[in-house]
Amino acid sequence: MEPARNWSVDSLARHAGLSRSVLSARFSSKVGMGPSAYLTLWRMTKAREMLINTRLPIADIAERCGYASLPAFHRRFTAIFGIGPGQWRKQNNGAYDSSARRLAASFAAEPSKLQRAG
């Protein structure tokens, strides 16, 4: 999958040959969060990875992760990780932990955190 692609629950449902509601129910039961919440988590995890493993400007990372608006990307990143992307990059100096299991578990336990981040 491509994080920059304009994914929607409708397009995912069509691709899977399911209705939106069936896709959402099945996805949530298997993954522990809805498709939109998972997409946000996936994009933000990719953004964290790029912040550490590349020297790309934050605006380029935002675009590669599906955000046309840098302010929207910054708000979402800050809401999820509690710190802005630039500050996160400075504080983590190559210490990126590629495992998102802990983060995913936190969002599965509190999916409203992703919704509030929008």
PDB file of N, CA and C in Angstrom:
ATOM      1  N   MET A   1       0.841  -1.186   0.000  1.00  0.00           N
ATOM      2  CA  MET A   1       0.000   0.000   0.000  1.00  0.00           C
ATOM      3  C   MET A   1       0.881   1.243   0.000  1.00  0.00           C
ATOM      4  N   GLU A   2       0.336   2.288  -0.494  1.00  0.00           N
ATOM      5  CA  GLU A   2       1.036   3.556  -0.586  1.00  0.00           C
ATOM      6  C   GLU A   2       0.417   4.553   0.393  1.00  0.00           C
ATOM      7  N   PRO A   3       1.194   5.037   1.363  1.00  0.00           N
ATOM      8  CA  PRO A   3       0.605   5.958   2.340  1.00  0.00           C
ATOM      9  C   PRO A   3       0.068   7.247   1.731  1.00  0.00           C
ATOM     10  N   ALA A   4       0.655   7.710   0.628  1.00  0.00           N
ATOM     11  CA  ALA A   4       0.227   8.978   0.034  1.00  0.00           C
ATOM     12  C   ALA A   4      -1.073   8.855  -0.757  1.00  0.00           C
ATOM     13  N   ARG A   5      -1.461   7.646  -1.081  1.00  0.00           N
ATOM     14  CA  ARG A   5      -2.680   7.459  -1.875  1.00  0.00           C
ATOM     15  C   ARG A   5      -3.900   7.968  -1.107  1.00  0.00           C
ATOM     16  N   ASN A   6      -4.874   8.460  -1.819  1.00  0.00           N
ATOM     17  CA  ASN A   6      -6.086   8.986  -1.202  1.00  0.00           C
ATOM     18  C   ASN A   6      -7.025   7.837  -0.834  1.00  0.00           C
ATOM     19  N   TRP A   7      -6.689   7.132   0.231  1.00  0.00           N
ATOM     20  CA  TRP A   7      -7.481   5.992   0.672  1.00  0.00           C
ATOM     21  C   TRP A   7      -8.759   6.472   1.343  1.00  0.00           C
ATOM     22  N   SER A   8      -9.814   5.720   1.154  1.00  0.00           N
ATOM     23  CA  SER A   8     -11.066   5.974   1.865  1.00  0.00           C
ATOM     24  C   SER A   8     -11.694   4.621   2.189  1.00  0.00           C
ATOM     25  N   VAL A   9     -12.577   4.617   3.157  1.00  0.00           N
ATOM     26  CA  VAL A   9     -13.269   3.380   3.502  1.00  0.00           C
ATOM     27  C   VAL A   9     -14.080   2.903   2.297  1.00  0.00           C
ATOM     28  N   ASP A  10     -14.662   3.835   1.554  1.00  0.00           N
ATOM     29  CA  ASP A  10     -15.418   3.467   0.352  1.00  0.00           C
ATOM     30  C   ASP A  10     -14.539   2.740  -0.665  1.00  0.00           C
ATOM     31  N   SER A  11     -13.357   3.300  -0.948  1.00  0.00           N
ATOM     32  CA  SER A  11     -12.486   2.673  -1.955  1.00  0.00           C
ATOM     33  C   SER A  11     -11.958   1.327  -1.463  1.00  0.00           C
ATOM     34  N   LEU A  12     -11.650   1.229  -0.184  1.00  0.00           N
ATOM     35  CA  LEU A  12     -11.192  -0.053   0.367  1.00  0.00           C
ATOM     36  C   LEU A  12     -12.305  -1.097   0.293  1.00  0.00           C
ATOM     37  N   ALA A  13     -13.523  -0.682   0.622  1.00  0.00           N
ATOM     38  CA  ALA A  13     -14.663  -1.602   0.569  1.00  0.00           C
ATOM     39  C   ALA A  13     -14.902  -2.083  -0.861  1.00  0.00           C
ATOM     40  N   ARG A  14     -14.850  -1.155  -1.815  1.00  0.00           N
ATOM     41  CA  ARG A  14     -15.015  -1.550  -3.222  1.00  0.00           C
ATOM     42  C   ARG A  14     -13.925  -2.531  -3.637  1.00  0.00           C
ATOM     43  N   HIS A  15     -12.695  -2.248  -3.265  1.00  0.00           N
ATOM     44  CA  HIS A  15     -11.566  -3.125  -3.609  1.00  0.00           C
ATOM     45  C   HIS A  15     -11.760  -4.527  -3.018  1.00  0.00           C
ATOM     46  N   ALA A  16     -12.308  -4.583  -1.809  1.00  0.00           N
ATOM     47  CA  ALA A  16     -12.537  -5.874  -1.141  1.00  0.00           C
ATOM     48  C   ALA A  16     -13.852  -6.524  -1.559  1.00  0.00           C
ATOM     49  N   GLY A  17     -14.687  -5.798  -2.301  1.00  0.00           N
ATOM     50  CA  GLY A  17     -15.977  -6.340  -2.710  1.00  0.00           C
ATOM     51  C   GLY A  17     -16.961  -6.431  -1.558  1.00  0.00           C
ATOM     52  N   LEU A  18     -16.869  -5.492  -0.626  1.00  0.00           N
ATOM     53  CA  LEU A  18     -17.735  -5.481   0.558  1.00  0.00           C
ATOM     54  C   LEU A  18     -18.410  -4.122   0.691  1.00  0.00           C
ATOM     55  N   SER A  19     -19.448  -4.085   1.492  1.00  0.00           N
ATOM     56  CA  SER A  19     -20.043  -2.794   1.815  1.00  0.00           C
ATOM     57  C   SER A  19     -19.149  -2.113   2.852  1.00  0.00           C
ATOM     58  N   ARG A  20     -19.329  -0.804   2.990  1.00  0.00           N
ATOM     59  CA  ARG A  20     -18.561  -0.055   4.001  1.00  0.00           C
ATOM     60  C   ARG A  20     -18.768  -0.631   5.390  1.00  0.00           C
ATOM     61  N   SER A  21     -20.022  -0.904   5.728  1.00  0.00           N
ATOM     62  CA  SER A  21     -20.320  -1.369   7.086  1.00  0.00           C
ATOM     63  C   SER A  21     -19.731  -2.754   7.353  1.00  0.00           C
ATOM     64  N   VAL A  22     -19.796  -3.641   6.366  1.00  0.00           N
ATOM     65  CA  VAL A  22     -19.228  -4.977   6.538  1.00  0.00           C
ATOM     66  C   VAL A  22     -17.707  -4.880   6.661  1.00  0.00           C
ATOM     67  N   LEU A  23     -17.090  -4.088   5.795  1.00  0.00           N
ATOM     68  CA  LEU A  23     -15.636  -3.908   5.878  1.00  0.00           C
ATOM     69  C   LEU A  23     -15.240  -3.366   7.248  1.00  0.00           C
ATOM     70  N   SER A  24     -15.917  -2.326   7.691  1.00  0.00           N
ATOM     71  CA  SER A  24     -15.584  -1.718   8.979  1.00  0.00           C
ATOM     72  C   SER A  24     -15.752  -2.704  10.125  1.00  0.00           C
ATOM     73  N   ALA A  25     -16.835  -3.459  10.112  1.00  0.00           N
ATOM     74  CA  ALA A  25     -17.072  -4.432  11.183  1.00  0.00           C
ATOM     75  C   ALA A  25     -16.009  -5.526  11.182  1.00  0.00           C
ATOM     76  N   ARG A  26     -15.712  -6.078  10.015  1.00  0.00           N
ATOM     77  CA  ARG A  26     -14.705  -7.142   9.932  1.00  0.00           C
ATOM     78  C   ARG A  26     -13.319  -6.619  10.287  1.00  0.00           C
ATOM     79  N   PHE A  27     -12.989  -5.461   9.776  1.00  0.00           N
ATOM     80  CA  PHE A  27     -11.682  -4.866  10.037  1.00  0.00           C
ATOM     81  C   PHE A  27     -11.515  -4.624  11.536  1.00  0.00           C
ATOM     82  N   SER A  28     -12.525  -4.021  12.142  1.00  0.00           N
ATOM     83  CA  SER A  28     -12.464  -3.720  13.574  1.00  0.00           C
ATOM     84  C   SER A  28     -12.341  -4.980  14.419  1.00  0.00           C
ATOM     85  N   SER A  29     -13.051  -6.030  14.029  1.00  0.00           N
ATOM     86  CA  SER A  29     -12.985  -7.264  14.820  1.00  0.00           C
ATOM     87  C   SER A  29     -11.621  -7.940  14.696  1.00  0.00           C
ATOM     88  N   LYS A  30     -10.970  -7.804  13.550  1.00  0.00           N
ATOM     89  CA  LYS A  30      -9.659  -8.441  13.346  1.00  0.00           C
ATOM     90  C   LYS A  30      -8.498  -7.585  13.852  1.00  0.00           C
ATOM     91  N   VAL A  31      -8.601  -6.269  13.658  1.00  0.00           N
ATOM     92  CA  VAL A  31      -7.470  -5.382  13.937  1.00  0.00           C
ATOM     93  C   VAL A  31      -7.624  -4.636  15.262  1.00  0.00           C
ATOM     94  N   GLY A  32      -8.848  -4.487  15.725  1.00  0.00           N
ATOM     95  CA  GLY A  32      -9.069  -3.798  16.989  1.00  0.00           C
ATOM     96  C   GLY A  32      -9.342  -2.308  16.842  1.00  0.00           C
ATOM     97  N   MET A  33      -9.416  -1.839  15.613  1.00  0.00           N
ATOM     98  CA  MET A  33      -9.758  -0.442  15.327  1.00  0.00           C
ATOM     99  C   MET A  33     -10.313  -0.386  13.915  1.00  0.00           C
ATOM    100  N   GLY A  34     -11.033   0.663  13.613  1.00  0.00           N
ATOM    101  CA  GLY A  34     -11.615   0.807  12.288  1.00  0.00           C
ATOM    102  C   GLY A  34     -10.568   1.099  11.224  1.00  0.00           C
ATOM    103  N   PRO A  35     -10.950   0.972   9.950  1.00  0.00           N
ATOM    104  CA  PRO A  35      -9.997   1.204   8.866  1.00  0.00           C
ATOM    105  C   PRO A  35      -9.425   2.616   8.852  1.00  0.00           C
ATOM    106  N   SER A  36     -10.221   3.621   9.139  1.00  0.00           N
ATOM    107  CA  SER A  36      -9.725   4.999   9.134  1.00  0.00           C
ATOM    108  C   SER A  36      -8.702   5.217  10.243  1.00  0.00           C
ATOM    109  N   ALA A  37      -8.983   4.698  11.427  1.00  0.00           N
ATOM    110  CA  ALA A  37      -8.043   4.819  12.541  1.00  0.00           C
ATOM    111  C   ALA A  37      -6.742   4.086  12.229  1.00  0.00           C
ATOM    112  N   TYR A  38      -6.863   2.911  11.625  1.00  0.00           N
ATOM    113  CA  TYR A  38      -5.665   2.151  11.264  1.00  0.00           C
ATOM    114  C   TYR A  38      -4.853   2.903  10.209  1.00  0.00           C
ATOM    115  N   LEU A  39      -5.522   3.471   9.219  1.00  0.00           N
ATOM    116  CA  LEU A  39      -4.834   4.223   8.178  1.00  0.00           C
ATOM    117  C   LEU A  39      -4.051   5.389   8.788  1.00  0.00           C
ATOM    118  N   THR A  40      -4.671   6.094   9.717  1.00  0.00           N
ATOM    119  CA  THR A  40      -3.990   7.195  10.389  1.00  0.00           C
ATOM    120  C   THR A  40      -2.772   6.690  11.155  1.00  0.00           C
ATOM    121  N   LEU A  41      -2.942   5.624  11.899  1.00  0.00           N
ATOM    122  CA  LEU A  41      -1.825   5.047  12.654  1.00  0.00           C
ATOM    123  C   LEU A  41      -0.702   4.624  11.721  1.00  0.00           C
ATOM    124  N   TRP A  42      -1.049   3.975  10.617  1.00  0.00           N
ATOM    125  CA  TRP A  42      -0.056   3.518   9.655  1.00  0.00           C
ATOM    126  C   TRP A  42       0.701   4.703   9.066  1.00  0.00           C
ATOM    127  N   ARG A  43      -0.023   5.738   8.669  1.00  0.00           N
ATOM    128  CA  ARG A  43       0.616   6.917   8.091  1.00  0.00           C
ATOM    129  C   ARG A  43       1.542   7.599   9.100  1.00  0.00           C
ATOM    130  N   MET A  44       1.087   7.723  10.336  1.00  0.00           N
ATOM    131  CA  MET A  44       1.905   8.382  11.348  1.00  0.00           C
ATOM    132  C   MET A  44       3.130   7.538  11.715  1.00  0.00           C
ATOM    133  N   THR A  45       2.977   6.236  11.703  1.00  0.00           N
ATOM    134  CA  THR A  45       4.116   5.352  11.959  1.00  0.00           C
ATOM    135  C   THR A  45       5.141   5.490  10.835  1.00  0.00           C
ATOM    136  N   LYS A  46       4.665   5.552   9.592  1.00  0.00           N
ATOM    137  CA  LYS A  46       5.568   5.766   8.455  1.00  0.00           C
ATOM    138  C   LYS A  46       6.249   7.127   8.567  1.00  0.00           C
ATOM    139  N   ALA A  47       5.508   8.141   8.996  1.00  0.00           N
ATOM    140  CA  ALA A  47       6.082   9.480   9.152  1.00  0.00           C
ATOM    141  C   ALA A  47       7.197   9.465  10.202  1.00  0.00           C
ATOM    142  N   ARG A  48       6.947   8.816  11.334  1.00  0.00           N
ATOM    143  CA  ARG A  48       7.994   8.716  12.373  1.00  0.00           C
ATOM    144  C   ARG A  48       9.235   8.049  11.810  1.00  0.00           C
ATOM    145  N   GLU A  49       9.022   6.993  11.066  1.00  0.00           N
ATOM    146  CA  GLU A  49      10.142   6.261  10.471  1.00  0.00           C
ATOM    147  C   GLU A  49      10.934   7.179   9.525  1.00  0.00           C
ATOM    148  N   MET A  50      10.232   7.921   8.689  1.00  0.00           N
ATOM    149  CA  MET A  50      10.914   8.816   7.753  1.00  0.00           C
ATOM    150  C   MET A  50      11.605   9.975   8.461  1.00  0.00           C
ATOM    151  N   LEU A  51      11.044  10.448   9.562  1.00  0.00           N
ATOM    152  CA  LEU A  51      11.676  11.536  10.307  1.00  0.00           C
ATOM    153  C   LEU A  51      13.052  11.127  10.821  1.00  0.00           C
ATOM    154  N   ILE A  52      13.205   9.886  11.142  1.00  0.00           N
ATOM    155  CA  ILE A  52      14.475   9.402  11.669  1.00  0.00           C
ATOM    156  C   ILE A  52      15.398   8.892  10.570  1.00  0.00           C
ATOM    157  N   ASN A  53      14.846   8.166   9.630  1.00  0.00           N
ATOM    158  CA  ASN A  53      15.677   7.474   8.642  1.00  0.00           C
ATOM    159  C   ASN A  53      15.982   8.271   7.391  1.00  0.00           C
ATOM    160  N   THR A  54      15.447   9.491   7.295  1.00  0.00           N
ATOM    161  CA  THR A  54      15.738  10.340   6.137  1.00  0.00           C
ATOM    162  C   THR A  54      16.028  11.749   6.626  1.00  0.00           C
ATOM    163  N   ARG A  55      16.493  12.555   5.744  1.00  0.00           N
ATOM    164  CA  ARG A  55      16.684  13.984   6.021  1.00  0.00           C
ATOM    165  C   ARG A  55      15.673  14.803   5.222  1.00  0.00           C
ATOM    166  N   LEU A  56      14.612  14.138   4.793  1.00  0.00           N
ATOM    167  CA  LEU A  56      13.573  14.848   4.037  1.00  0.00           C
ATOM    168  C   LEU A  56      12.971  15.961   4.882  1.00  0.00           C
ATOM    169  N   PRO A  57      12.634  17.081   4.255  1.00  0.00           N
ATOM    170  CA  PRO A  57      11.899  18.114   4.983  1.00  0.00           C
ATOM    171  C   PRO A  57      10.546  17.567   5.460  1.00  0.00           C
ATOM    172  N   ILE A  58      10.064  18.099   6.550  1.00  0.00           N
ATOM    173  CA  ILE A  58       8.808  17.615   7.125  1.00  0.00           C
ATOM    174  C   ILE A  58       7.657  17.761   6.129  1.00  0.00           C
ATOM    175  N   ALA A  59       7.662  18.806   5.335  1.00  0.00           N
ATOM    176  CA  ALA A  59       6.596  18.983   4.335  1.00  0.00           C
ATOM    177  C   ALA A  59       6.588  17.835   3.331  1.00  0.00           C
ATOM    178  N   ASP A  60       7.773  17.350   2.935  1.00  0.00           N
ATOM    179  CA  ASP A  60       7.851  16.220   2.007  1.00  0.00           C
ATOM    180  C   ASP A  60       7.360  14.934   2.667  1.00  0.00           C
ATOM    181  N   ILE A  61       7.698  14.758   3.931  1.00  0.00           N
ATOM    182  CA  ILE A  61       7.237  13.578   4.662  1.00  0.00           C
ATOM    183  C   ILE A  61       5.717  13.606   4.774  1.00  0.00           C
ATOM    184  N   ALA A  62       5.172  14.766   5.104  1.00  0.00           N
ATOM    185  CA  ALA A  62       3.710  14.902   5.203  1.00  0.00           C
ATOM    186  C   ALA A  62       3.052  14.490   3.892  1.00  0.00           C
ATOM    187  N   GLU A  63       3.579  14.986   2.785  1.00  0.00           N
ATOM    188  CA  GLU A  63       3.014  14.662   1.475  1.00  0.00           C
ATOM    189  C   GLU A  63       3.129  13.171   1.177  1.00  0.00           C
ATOM    190  N   ARG A  64       4.271  12.586   1.469  1.00  0.00           N
ATOM    191  CA  ARG A  64       4.469  11.153   1.216  1.00  0.00           C
ATOM    192  C   ARG A  64       3.583  10.277   2.105  1.00  0.00           C
ATOM    193  N   CYS A  65       3.083  10.859   3.184  1.00  0.00           N
ATOM    194  CA  CYS A  65       2.196  10.114   4.082  1.00  0.00           C
ATOM    195  C   CYS A  65       0.728  10.474   3.875  1.00  0.00           C
ATOM    196  N   GLY A  66       0.435  11.154   2.763  1.00  0.00           N
ATOM    197  CA  GLY A  66      -0.956  11.389   2.401  1.00  0.00           C
ATOM    198  C   GLY A  66      -1.559  12.684   2.897  1.00  0.00           C
ATOM    199  N   TYR A  67      -0.743  13.620   3.337  1.00  0.00           N
ATOM    200  CA  TYR A  67      -1.246  14.897   3.837  1.00  0.00           C
ATOM    201  C   TYR A  67      -0.876  16.012   2.867  1.00  0.00           C
ATOM    202  N   ALA A  68      -1.858  16.633   2.263  1.00  0.00           N
ATOM    203  CA  ALA A  68      -1.620  17.761   1.362  1.00  0.00           C
ATOM    204  C   ALA A  68      -1.369  19.035   2.156  1.00  0.00           C
ATOM    205  N   SER A  69      -1.811  19.045   3.408  1.00  0.00           N
ATOM    206  CA  SER A  69      -1.678  20.217   4.265  1.00  0.00           C
ATOM    207  C   SER A  69      -0.672  19.929   5.380  1.00  0.00           C
ATOM    208  N   LEU A  70       0.402  20.716   5.416  1.00  0.00           N
ATOM    209  CA  LEU A  70       1.394  20.563   6.482  1.00  0.00           C
ATOM    210  C   LEU A  70       0.791  20.848   7.859  1.00  0.00           C
ATOM    211  N   PRO A  71      -0.042  21.891   8.013  1.00  0.00           N
ATOM    212  CA  PRO A  71      -0.659  22.111   9.331  1.00  0.00           C
ATOM    213  C   PRO A  71      -1.525  20.923   9.783  1.00  0.00           C
ATOM    214  N   ALA A  72      -2.262  20.307   8.863  1.00  0.00           N
ATOM    215  CA  ALA A  72      -3.082  19.136   9.233  1.00  0.00           C
ATOM    216  C   ALA A  72      -2.190  17.983   9.679  1.00  0.00           C
ATOM    217  N   PHE A  73      -1.100  17.752   8.966  1.00  0.00           N
ATOM    218  CA  PHE A  73      -0.148  16.709   9.341  1.00  0.00           C
ATOM    219  C   PHE A  73       0.426  16.989  10.728  1.00  0.00           C
ATOM    220  N   HIS A  74       0.840  18.224  10.948  1.00  0.00           N
ATOM    221  CA  HIS A  74       1.432  18.604  12.237  1.00  0.00           C
ATOM    222  C   HIS A  74       0.436  18.403  13.375  1.00  0.00           C
ATOM    223  N   ARG A  75      -0.815  18.831  13.171  1.00  0.00           N
ATOM    224  CA  ARG A  75      -1.842  18.660  14.217  1.00  0.00           C
ATOM    225  C   ARG A  75      -2.072  17.190  14.534  1.00  0.00           C
ATOM    226  N   ARG A  76      -2.182  16.358  13.481  1.00  0.00           N
ATOM    227  CA  ARG A  76      -2.445  14.937  13.684  1.00  0.00           C
ATOM    228  C   ARG A  76      -1.258  14.276  14.393  1.00  0.00           C
ATOM    229  N   PHE A  77      -0.042  14.562  13.932  1.00  0.00           N
ATOM    230  CA  PHE A  77       1.160  13.980  14.538  1.00  0.00           C
ATOM    231  C   PHE A  77       1.236  14.360  16.016  1.00  0.00           C
ATOM    232  N   THR A  78       1.036  15.625  16.321  1.00  0.00           N
ATOM    233  CA  THR A  78       1.109  16.109  17.700  1.00  0.00           C
ATOM    234  C   THR A  78       0.018  15.489  18.564  1.00  0.00           C
ATOM    235  N   ALA A  79      -1.181  15.368  18.017  1.00  0.00           N
ATOM    236  CA  ALA A  79      -2.287  14.778  18.787  1.00  0.00           C
ATOM    237  C   ALA A  79      -2.009  13.320  19.119  1.00  0.00           C
ATOM    238  N   ILE A  80      -1.367  12.606  18.215  1.00  0.00           N
ATOM    239  CA  ILE A  80      -1.121  11.185  18.432  1.00  0.00           C
ATOM    240  C   ILE A  80       0.100  10.944  19.307  1.00  0.00           C
ATOM    241  N   PHE A  81       1.197  11.652  19.033  1.00  0.00           N
ATOM    242  CA  PHE A  81       2.446  11.383  19.735  1.00  0.00           C
ATOM    243  C   PHE A  81       2.748  12.358  20.864  1.00  0.00           C
ATOM    244  N   GLY A  82       1.942  13.416  20.979  1.00  0.00           N
ATOM    245  CA  GLY A  82       2.133  14.363  22.067  1.00  0.00           C
ATOM    246  C   GLY A  82       3.285  15.333  21.858  1.00  0.00           C
ATOM    247  N   ILE A  83       3.828  15.363  20.659  1.00  0.00           N
ATOM    248  CA  ILE A  83       4.977  16.208  20.345  1.00  0.00           C
ATOM    249  C   ILE A  83       4.966  16.447  18.838  1.00  0.00           C
ATOM    250  N   GLY A  84       5.391  17.614  18.407  1.00  0.00           N
ATOM    251  CA  GLY A  84       5.417  17.924  16.983  1.00  0.00           C
ATOM    252  C   GLY A  84       6.472  17.117  16.238  1.00  0.00           C
ATOM    253  N   PRO A  85       6.333  16.976  14.930  1.00  0.00           N
ATOM    254  CA  PRO A  85       7.278  16.158  14.168  1.00  0.00           C
ATOM    255  C   PRO A  85       8.720  16.666  14.215  1.00  0.00           C
ATOM    256  N   GLY A  86       8.916  17.996  14.172  1.00  0.00           N
ATOM    257  CA  GLY A  86      10.275  18.528  14.232  1.00  0.00           C
ATOM    258  C   GLY A  86      10.931  18.247  15.569  1.00  0.00           C
ATOM    259  N   GLN A  87      10.189  18.462  16.631  1.00  0.00           N
ATOM    260  CA  GLN A  87      10.713  18.194  17.966  1.00  0.00           C
ATOM    261  C   GLN A  87      10.951  16.699  18.161  1.00  0.00           C
ATOM    262  N   TRP A  88      10.049  15.876  17.627  1.00  0.00           N
ATOM    263  CA  TRP A  88      10.218  14.427  17.731  1.00  0.00           C
ATOM    264  C   TRP A  88      11.513  13.992  17.042  1.00  0.00           C
ATOM    265  N   ARG A  89      11.753  14.560  15.849  1.00  0.00           N
ATOM    266  CA  ARG A  89      12.962  14.226  15.100  1.00  0.00           C
ATOM    267  C   ARG A  89      14.210  14.588  15.916  1.00  0.00           C
ATOM    268  N   LYS A  90      14.223  15.768  16.505  1.00  0.00           N
ATOM    269  CA  LYS A  90      15.374  16.219  17.293  1.00  0.00           C
ATOM    270  C   LYS A  90      15.599  15.328  18.511  1.00  0.00           C
ATOM    271  N   GLN A  91      14.533  14.961  19.195  1.00  0.00           N
ATOM    272  CA  GLN A  91      14.657  14.170  20.421  1.00  0.00           C
ATOM    273  C   GLN A  91      15.045  12.724  20.166  1.00  0.00           C
ATOM    274  N   ASN A  92      14.801  12.219  18.982  1.00  0.00           N
ATOM    275  CA  ASN A  92      15.013  10.794  18.747  1.00  0.00           C
ATOM    276  C   ASN A  92      16.254  10.453  17.941  1.00  0.00           C
ATOM    277  N   ASN A  93      16.934  11.412  17.389  1.00  0.00           N
ATOM    278  CA  ASN A  93      18.243  11.221  16.759  1.00  0.00           C
ATOM    279  C   ASN A  93      18.600   9.793  16.366  1.00  0.00           C
ATOM    280  N   GLY A  94      17.844   9.196  15.509  1.00  0.00           N
ATOM    281  CA  GLY A  94      18.191   7.861  15.031  1.00  0.00           C
ATOM    282  C   GLY A  94      17.754   6.735  15.934  1.00  0.00           C
ATOM    283  N   ALA A  95      16.978   7.028  16.956  1.00  0.00           N
ATOM    284  CA  ALA A  95      16.564   5.995  17.904  1.00  0.00           C
ATOM    285  C   ALA A  95      15.187   5.444  17.571  1.00  0.00           C
ATOM    286  N   TYR A  96      14.807   5.464  16.309  1.00  0.00           N
ATOM    287  CA  TYR A  96      13.480   5.005  15.917  1.00  0.00           C
ATOM    288  C   TYR A  96      13.302   3.526  16.219  1.00  0.00           C
ATOM    289  N   ASP A  97      12.213   3.209  16.880  1.00  0.00           N
ATOM    290  CA  ASP A  97      11.847   1.821  17.153  1.00  0.00           C
ATOM    291  C   ASP A  97      10.817   1.425  16.110  1.00  0.00           C
ATOM    292  N   SER A  98      11.195   0.560  15.169  1.00  0.00           N
ATOM    293  CA  SER A  98      10.311   0.241  14.047  1.00  0.00           C
ATOM    294  C   SER A  98       9.089  -0.578  14.457  1.00  0.00           C
ATOM    295  N   SER A  99       9.031  -1.064  15.677  1.00  0.00           N
ATOM    296  CA  SER A  99       7.877  -1.844  16.101  1.00  0.00           C
ATOM    297  C   SER A  99       6.750  -0.933  16.540  1.00  0.00           C
ATOM    298  N   ALA A 100       5.588  -1.060  15.889  1.00  0.00           N
ATOM    299  CA  ALA A 100       4.433  -0.231  16.239  1.00  0.00           C
ATOM    300  C   ALA A 100       3.427  -0.994  17.086  1.00  0.00           C
ATOM    301  N   ARG A 101       3.782  -2.172  17.546  1.00  0.00           N
ATOM    302  CA  ARG A 101       2.827  -2.975  18.316  1.00  0.00           C
ATOM    303  C   ARG A 101       2.348  -2.251  19.575  1.00  0.00           C
ATOM    304  N   ARG A 102       3.275  -1.649  20.304  1.00  0.00           N
ATOM    305  CA  ARG A 102       2.912  -0.954  21.529  1.00  0.00           C
ATOM    306  C   ARG A 102       1.974   0.205  21.216  1.00  0.00           C
ATOM    307  N   LEU A 103       2.291   0.933  20.170  1.00  0.00           N
ATOM    308  CA  LEU A 103       1.466   2.056  19.767  1.00  0.00           C
ATOM    309  C   LEU A 103       0.089   1.585  19.305  1.00  0.00           C
ATOM    310  N   ALA A 104       0.059   0.550  18.501  1.00  0.00           N
ATOM    311  CA  ALA A 104      -1.218   0.017  18.023  1.00  0.00           C
ATOM    312  C   ALA A 104      -2.077  -0.452  19.189  1.00  0.00           C
ATOM    313  N   ALA A 105      -1.454  -1.088  20.179  1.00  0.00           N
ATOM    314  CA  ALA A 105      -2.202  -1.553  21.355  1.00  0.00           C
ATOM    315  C   ALA A 105      -2.793  -0.367  22.104  1.00  0.00           C
ATOM    316  N   SER A 106      -2.048   0.724  22.168  1.00  0.00           N
ATOM    317  CA  SER A 106      -2.551   1.908  22.853  1.00  0.00           C
ATOM    318  C   SER A 106      -3.765   2.484  22.133  1.00  0.00           C
ATOM    319  N   PHE A 107      -3.747   2.481  20.793  1.00  0.00           N
ATOM    320  CA  PHE A 107      -4.893   2.989  20.049  1.00  0.00           C
ATOM    321  C   PHE A 107      -6.054   2.006  20.063  1.00  0.00           C
ATOM    322  N   ALA A 108      -5.768   0.730  20.132  1.00  0.00           N
ATOM    323  CA  ALA A 108      -6.845  -0.259  20.228  1.00  0.00           C
ATOM    324  C   ALA A 108      -7.570  -0.071  21.559  1.00  0.00           C
ATOM    325  N   ALA A 109      -6.804   0.260  22.602  1.00  0.00           N
ATOM    326  CA  ALA A 109      -7.401   0.459  23.920  1.00  0.00           C
ATOM    327  C   ALA A 109      -8.152   1.789  24.000  1.00  0.00           C
ATOM    328  N   GLU A 110      -7.710   2.770  23.215  1.00  0.00           N
ATOM    329  CA  GLU A 110      -8.331   4.094  23.245  1.00  0.00           C
ATOM    330  C   GLU A 110      -8.465   4.652  21.833  1.00  0.00           C
ATOM    331  N   PRO A 111      -9.346   4.053  20.997  1.00  0.00           N
ATOM    332  CA  PRO A 111      -9.468   4.497  19.602  1.00  0.00           C
ATOM    333  C   PRO A 111      -9.929   5.940  19.470  1.00  0.00           C
ATOM    334  N   SER A 112     -10.564   6.486  20.479  1.00  0.00           N
ATOM    335  CA  SER A 112     -11.019   7.868  20.395  1.00  0.00           C
ATOM    336  C   SER A 112      -9.849   8.834  20.275  1.00  0.00           C
ATOM    337  N   LYS A 113      -8.658   8.404  20.684  1.00  0.00           N
ATOM    338  CA  LYS A 113      -7.477   9.254  20.571  1.00  0.00           C
ATOM    339  C   LYS A 113      -7.220   9.606  19.110  1.00  0.00           C
ATOM    340  N   LEU A 114      -7.416   8.657  18.205  1.00  0.00           N
ATOM    341  CA  LEU A 114      -7.235   8.930  16.780  1.00  0.00           C
ATOM    342  C   LEU A 114      -8.314   9.864  16.266  1.00  0.00           C
ATOM    343  N   GLN A 115      -9.537   9.670  16.716  1.00  0.00           N
ATOM    344  CA  GLN A 115     -10.627  10.506  16.240  1.00  0.00           C
ATOM    345  C   GLN A 115     -10.456  11.941  16.722  1.00  0.00           C
ATOM    346  N   ARG A 116      -9.972  12.117  17.953  1.00  0.00           N
ATOM    347  CA  ARG A 116      -9.737  13.451  18.481  1.00  0.00           C
ATOM    348  C   ARG A 116      -8.617  14.158  17.719  1.00  0.00           C
ATOM    349  N   ALA A 117      -7.705  13.366  17.151  1.00  0.00           N
ATOM    350  CA  ALA A 117      -6.557  13.937  16.451  1.00  0.00           C
ATOM    351  C   ALA A 117      -6.942  14.580  15.136  1.00  0.00           C
ATOM    352  N   GLY A 118      -8.130  14.287  14.612  1.00  0.00           N
ATOM    353  CA  GLY A 118      -8.543  14.802  13.313  1.00  0.00           C
ATOM    354  C   GLY A 118      -8.886  16.232  13.372  1.00  0.00           C
TER     355      GLY A 118
END
